[in-house]
N, C-alpha and C. Protein backbone atom coordinates (compact mmCIF):
# COMPACT_ATOMS: atom_id res chain seq x y z
N UNK A 1 1.07 -0.99 0.10
CA UNK A 1 -0.16 0.28 -0.08
C UNK A 1 0.89 1.22 0.30
N UNK A 2 0.20 2.45 -0.54
CA UNK A 2 1.19 4.03 -0.73
C UNK A 2 0.78 4.19 0.83
N UNK A 3 1.78 5.22 0.52
CA UNK A 3 1.77 5.87 2.08
C UNK A 3 1.70 7.28 1.88
N UNK A 4 1.17 8.27 2.63
CA UNK A 4 1.13 9.70 2.08
C UNK A 4 1.11 10.50 3.26
N UNK A 5 1.83 11.31 3.07
CA UNK A 5 2.71 12.32 4.17
C UNK A 5 2.14 13.81 3.65
N UNK A 6 1.46 14.45 4.97
CA UNK A 6 0.90 16.00 5.08
C UNK A 6 1.81 16.71 5.55
N UNK A 7 2.30 17.79 4.51
CA UNK A 7 2.91 18.58 5.57
C UNK A 7 1.81 20.23 5.61
N UNK A 8 1.86 20.82 6.36
CA UNK A 8 1.58 22.26 6.86
C UNK A 8 0.16 21.97 7.24
N UNK A 9 -0.07 20.65 7.79
CA UNK A 9 -1.66 20.83 8.17
C UNK A 9 -2.16 21.35 9.34
N UNK A 10 -3.19 22.23 9.04
CA UNK A 10 -3.47 23.16 10.17
C UNK A 10 -3.97 22.70 11.08
N UNK A 11 -3.56 22.86 12.73
CA UNK A 11 -3.82 22.30 13.75
C UNK A 11 -5.13 22.20 14.13
N UNK A 12 -6.11 22.97 13.23
CA UNK A 12 -7.36 22.73 13.93
C UNK A 12 -7.86 21.08 13.49
N UNK A 13 -7.72 21.22 12.04
CA UNK A 13 -8.09 20.45 11.40
C UNK A 13 -7.35 19.05 11.69
N UNK A 14 -6.18 19.24 12.12
CA UNK A 14 -6.02 17.97 13.14
C UNK A 14 -6.26 17.49 14.08
N UNK A 15 -6.83 18.55 14.89
CA UNK A 15 -7.32 18.28 16.51
C UNK A 15 -8.91 17.59 15.90
N UNK A 16 -9.61 18.00 14.65
CA UNK A 16 -10.75 17.85 13.84
C UNK A 16 -10.73 16.22 13.82
N UNK A 17 -9.69 15.73 12.96
CA UNK A 17 -9.96 14.67 12.74
C UNK A 17 -9.45 13.61 13.98
N UNK A 18 -8.65 13.90 15.16
CA UNK A 18 -8.56 13.21 16.08
C UNK A 18 -9.70 13.32 16.52
N UNK A 19 -10.54 14.14 17.03
CA UNK A 19 -11.51 14.20 17.99
C UNK A 19 -12.18 12.88 17.00
N UNK A 20 -12.54 12.85 15.62
CA UNK A 20 -13.44 12.21 14.97
C UNK A 20 -12.74 10.47 15.34
N UNK A 21 -11.55 10.23 15.50
CA UNK A 21 -10.76 8.56 15.58
C UNK A 21 -11.62 8.86 17.11
N UNK A 22 -11.01 9.28 17.67
CA UNK A 22 -11.42 9.01 19.05
C UNK A 22 -13.06 8.90 19.64
N UNK A 23 -14.18 9.57 18.74
CA UNK A 23 -15.62 9.32 18.79
C UNK A 23 -15.50 7.97 18.10
N UNK A 24 -15.16 7.72 17.30
CA UNK A 24 -15.16 6.41 16.06
C UNK A 24 -14.91 4.76 16.58
N UNK A 25 -13.49 5.54 17.84
CA UNK A 25 -12.54 4.20 18.29
C UNK A 25 -11.70 3.85 16.87
N UNK A 26 -11.04 4.51 16.49
CA UNK A 26 -10.50 4.67 15.13
C UNK A 26 -8.96 4.99 15.58
N UNK A 27 -7.88 4.65 14.63
CA UNK A 27 -7.03 5.18 14.80
C UNK A 27 -6.67 6.55 13.82
N UNK A 28 -5.93 6.98 13.87
CA UNK A 28 -5.93 8.41 13.51
C UNK A 28 -5.59 7.96 11.70
N UNK A 29 -5.14 7.04 10.95
CA UNK A 29 -4.55 6.44 10.25
C UNK A 29 -6.33 6.13 9.30
N UNK A 30 -7.33 5.14 10.34
CA UNK A 30 -8.02 4.91 9.95
C UNK A 30 -8.96 5.96 9.78
N UNK A 31 -9.12 6.96 10.39
CA UNK A 31 -9.95 7.82 10.71
C UNK A 31 -9.86 9.08 9.01
N UNK A 32 -8.81 9.11 8.73
CA UNK A 32 -8.14 9.80 7.61
C UNK A 32 -8.64 9.19 6.41
N UNK A 33 -8.32 7.63 6.26
CA UNK A 33 -8.72 7.15 5.14
C UNK A 33 -9.96 6.67 5.02
N UNK A 34 -10.92 6.98 5.88
CA UNK A 34 -12.78 7.04 6.01
C UNK A 34 -12.97 8.04 5.45
N UNK A 35 -12.24 9.29 6.14
CA UNK A 35 -12.49 10.68 5.32
C UNK A 35 -12.33 10.87 4.05
N UNK A 36 -11.32 10.39 3.45
CA UNK A 36 -10.90 10.09 1.94
C UNK A 36 -11.83 9.45 1.50
N UNK A 37 -12.12 8.22 1.57
CA UNK A 37 -13.33 8.04 0.91
C UNK A 37 -14.54 8.34 1.37
N UNK A 38 -15.14 8.46 2.24
CA UNK A 38 -16.67 9.15 2.07
C UNK A 38 -16.83 10.57 0.95
N UNK A 39 -15.12 11.19 0.89
CA UNK A 39 -15.37 12.67 0.17
C UNK A 39 -15.30 11.68 -1.51
N UNK A 40 -14.65 10.92 -1.74
CA UNK A 40 -15.05 10.98 -3.06
C UNK A 40 -16.48 9.95 -3.58
N UNK A 41 -17.57 9.24 -2.53
CA UNK A 41 -18.16 9.10 -2.55
C UNK A 41 -19.33 9.80 -3.01
N UNK A 42 -19.00 10.98 -2.03
CA UNK A 42 -20.10 12.16 -1.77
C UNK A 42 -20.32 13.05 -3.55
N UNK A 43 -18.49 12.97 -4.04
CA UNK A 43 -18.26 13.18 -5.98
C UNK A 43 -18.82 12.23 -6.26
N UNK A 44 -19.21 11.13 -5.99
CA UNK A 44 -19.91 10.20 -7.28
C UNK A 44 -21.57 10.62 -7.19
N UNK A 45 -21.88 10.46 -5.95
CA UNK A 45 -23.64 11.11 -5.96
C UNK A 45 -23.75 12.06 -6.42
N UNK A 46 -22.76 13.29 -6.41
CA UNK A 46 -22.92 14.39 -6.98
C UNK A 46 -23.10 14.22 -8.67
N UNK A 47 -22.51 13.52 -9.01
CA UNK A 47 -22.12 13.42 -10.21
C UNK A 47 -23.54 12.96 -11.34
N UNK A 48 -23.94 11.70 -10.32
CA UNK A 48 -25.04 11.08 -10.78
C UNK A 48 -26.16 11.54 -10.35
N UNK A 49 -26.71 12.62 -9.73
CA UNK A 49 -27.41 13.48 -9.46
C UNK A 49 -27.29 14.73 -10.82
N UNK A 50 -26.29 14.96 -10.59
CA UNK A 50 -26.06 15.99 -12.44
C UNK A 50 -26.70 14.91 -13.88
N UNK A 51 -26.14 13.87 -13.77
CA UNK A 51 -26.83 13.23 -14.65
C UNK A 51 -28.36 12.84 -14.76
N UNK A 52 -29.01 13.00 -13.40
CA UNK A 52 -30.53 12.80 -13.68
C UNK A 52 -31.01 13.59 -13.75
N UNK A 53 -30.72 14.86 -13.56
CA UNK A 53 -31.25 16.50 -14.18
C UNK A 53 -31.15 16.47 -15.37
N UNK A 54 -30.26 15.50 -16.29
CA UNK A 54 -29.89 16.02 -17.73
C UNK A 54 -31.62 15.85 -18.62
N UNK A 55 -31.79 16.94 -19.46
CA UNK A 55 -32.76 16.92 -20.10
C UNK A 55 -32.84 15.25 -21.20
N UNK A 56 -34.24 14.87 -21.46
CA UNK A 56 -33.70 13.40 -22.04
C UNK A 56 -33.21 13.71 -22.95
N UNK A 57 -33.56 14.66 -24.15
CA UNK A 57 -32.50 14.53 -25.65
C UNK A 57 -30.87 14.34 -24.88
N UNK A 58 -30.37 15.05 -23.88
CA UNK A 58 -29.31 14.61 -23.15
C UNK A 58 -28.69 13.19 -23.37
N UNK A 59 -29.76 12.59 -22.39
CA UNK A 59 -29.65 11.35 -22.40
C UNK A 59 -29.68 10.27 -23.62
N UNK A 60 -30.32 10.39 -24.53
CA UNK A 60 -30.92 10.02 -26.06
C UNK A 60 -29.13 10.23 -26.53
N UNK A 61 -29.02 11.42 -26.27
CA UNK A 61 -27.84 11.65 -27.52
C UNK A 61 -26.44 10.76 -27.33
N UNK A 62 -26.69 10.45 -25.58
CA UNK A 62 -25.43 10.02 -24.74
C UNK A 62 -25.49 8.44 -25.05
N UNK A 63 -27.03 7.97 -24.96
CA UNK A 63 -27.25 6.49 -25.12
C UNK A 63 -26.82 6.18 -26.85
N UNK A 64 -26.96 6.94 -27.58
CA UNK A 64 -26.85 6.98 -29.22
C UNK A 64 -25.18 7.22 -29.36
N UNK A 65 -24.43 7.47 -28.36
CA UNK A 65 -23.40 8.39 -28.83
C UNK A 65 -22.36 6.71 -28.43
N UNK A 66 -23.22 6.00 -27.76
CA UNK A 66 -22.02 4.55 -27.31
C UNK A 66 -21.54 3.70 -28.52
N UNK A 67 -20.44 3.13 -28.26
CA UNK A 67 -19.95 2.51 -29.52
C UNK A 67 -20.94 1.32 -29.60
N UNK A 68 -21.25 0.69 -30.51
CA UNK A 68 -21.75 -0.83 -30.64
C UNK A 68 -20.78 -2.13 -30.42
N UNK A 69 -20.98 -2.70 -29.57
CA UNK A 69 -20.32 -4.01 -29.13
C UNK A 69 -21.15 -5.12 -29.99
N UNK A 70 -20.33 -5.92 -30.86
CA UNK A 70 -20.45 -7.37 -31.86
C UNK A 70 -20.45 -8.37 -30.58
N UNK A 71 -21.02 -9.24 -30.37
CA UNK A 71 -20.76 -10.41 -29.34
C UNK A 71 -19.55 -11.54 -29.89
N UNK A 72 -19.86 -11.97 -31.37
CA UNK A 72 -18.46 -12.40 -31.62
C UNK A 72 -17.25 -11.81 -31.22
N UNK A 73 -17.06 -10.62 -30.85
CA UNK A 73 -16.03 -9.88 -30.50
C UNK A 73 -15.62 -10.71 -29.17
N UNK A 74 -16.87 -11.16 -28.48
CA UNK A 74 -15.93 -11.52 -26.91
C UNK A 74 -16.35 -13.16 -27.01
N UNK A 75 -16.70 -13.75 -28.06
CA UNK A 75 -16.78 -15.35 -28.30
C UNK A 75 -18.37 -15.97 -28.15
N UNK A 76 -18.97 -15.45 -28.31
CA UNK A 76 -20.35 -14.91 -28.17
C UNK A 76 -21.25 -15.50 -29.17
N UNK A 77 -22.12 -16.21 -28.99
CA UNK A 77 -23.10 -16.26 -30.54
C UNK A 77 -23.95 -15.57 -30.71
N UNK A 78 -24.37 -15.63 -31.56
CA UNK A 78 -25.27 -14.34 -32.32
C UNK A 78 -26.77 -14.59 -31.62
N UNK A 79 -27.46 -13.73 -31.03
CA UNK A 79 -28.74 -13.90 -30.21
C UNK A 79 -29.97 -14.48 -31.35
N UNK A 80 -30.00 -14.16 -32.52
CA UNK A 80 -30.96 -14.59 -33.48
C UNK A 80 -30.62 -15.86 -33.46
N UNK A 81 -29.86 -16.90 -33.27
CA UNK A 81 -29.38 -17.88 -33.64
C UNK A 81 -30.03 -18.71 -32.13
N UNK A 82 -29.73 -18.14 -31.07
CA UNK A 82 -29.86 -18.43 -29.73
C UNK A 82 -31.40 -18.74 -29.91
N UNK A 83 -32.05 -17.73 -30.55
CA UNK A 83 -33.45 -17.29 -29.98
C UNK A 83 -34.21 -18.44 -31.05
N UNK A 84 -33.73 -18.81 -32.22
CA UNK A 84 -34.37 -19.64 -33.56
C UNK A 84 -34.06 -21.03 -33.01
N UNK A 85 -33.11 -21.15 -31.74
CA UNK A 85 -32.51 -22.66 -31.27
C UNK A 85 -33.59 -22.77 -30.35
N UNK A 86 -34.28 -22.08 -29.53
CA UNK A 86 -35.20 -22.12 -28.44
C UNK A 86 -36.41 -22.07 -28.79
N UNK A 87 -36.55 -21.39 -30.03
CA UNK A 87 -38.29 -21.72 -30.78
C UNK A 87 -38.65 -22.94 -31.27
N UNK A 88 -37.27 -23.57 -31.29
CA UNK A 88 -37.10 -24.92 -32.00
C UNK A 88 -37.84 -26.22 -31.41
N UNK A 89 -37.60 -25.80 -29.70
CA UNK A 89 -37.81 -27.05 -28.92
C UNK A 89 -38.81 -27.22 -28.80
């Protein structure tokens, strides 16, 4: 695992992290990791909400611009063949 060293951390911020760690019964290291993870999760939620508020035309345009995928590229059979086989049972 990587190591992160933070310089010039304000005393007030350090104290708040220490308080959080002691409240949650965590080490200082665990508290910082938890805060960083939570920060990135909230960024993802914000991004998801921004996409929800997009007009339908923007969503459809994004869907249409996706590259087409050929099942054969992944070693899969054509679905029409599978459907025909299923109907003939």
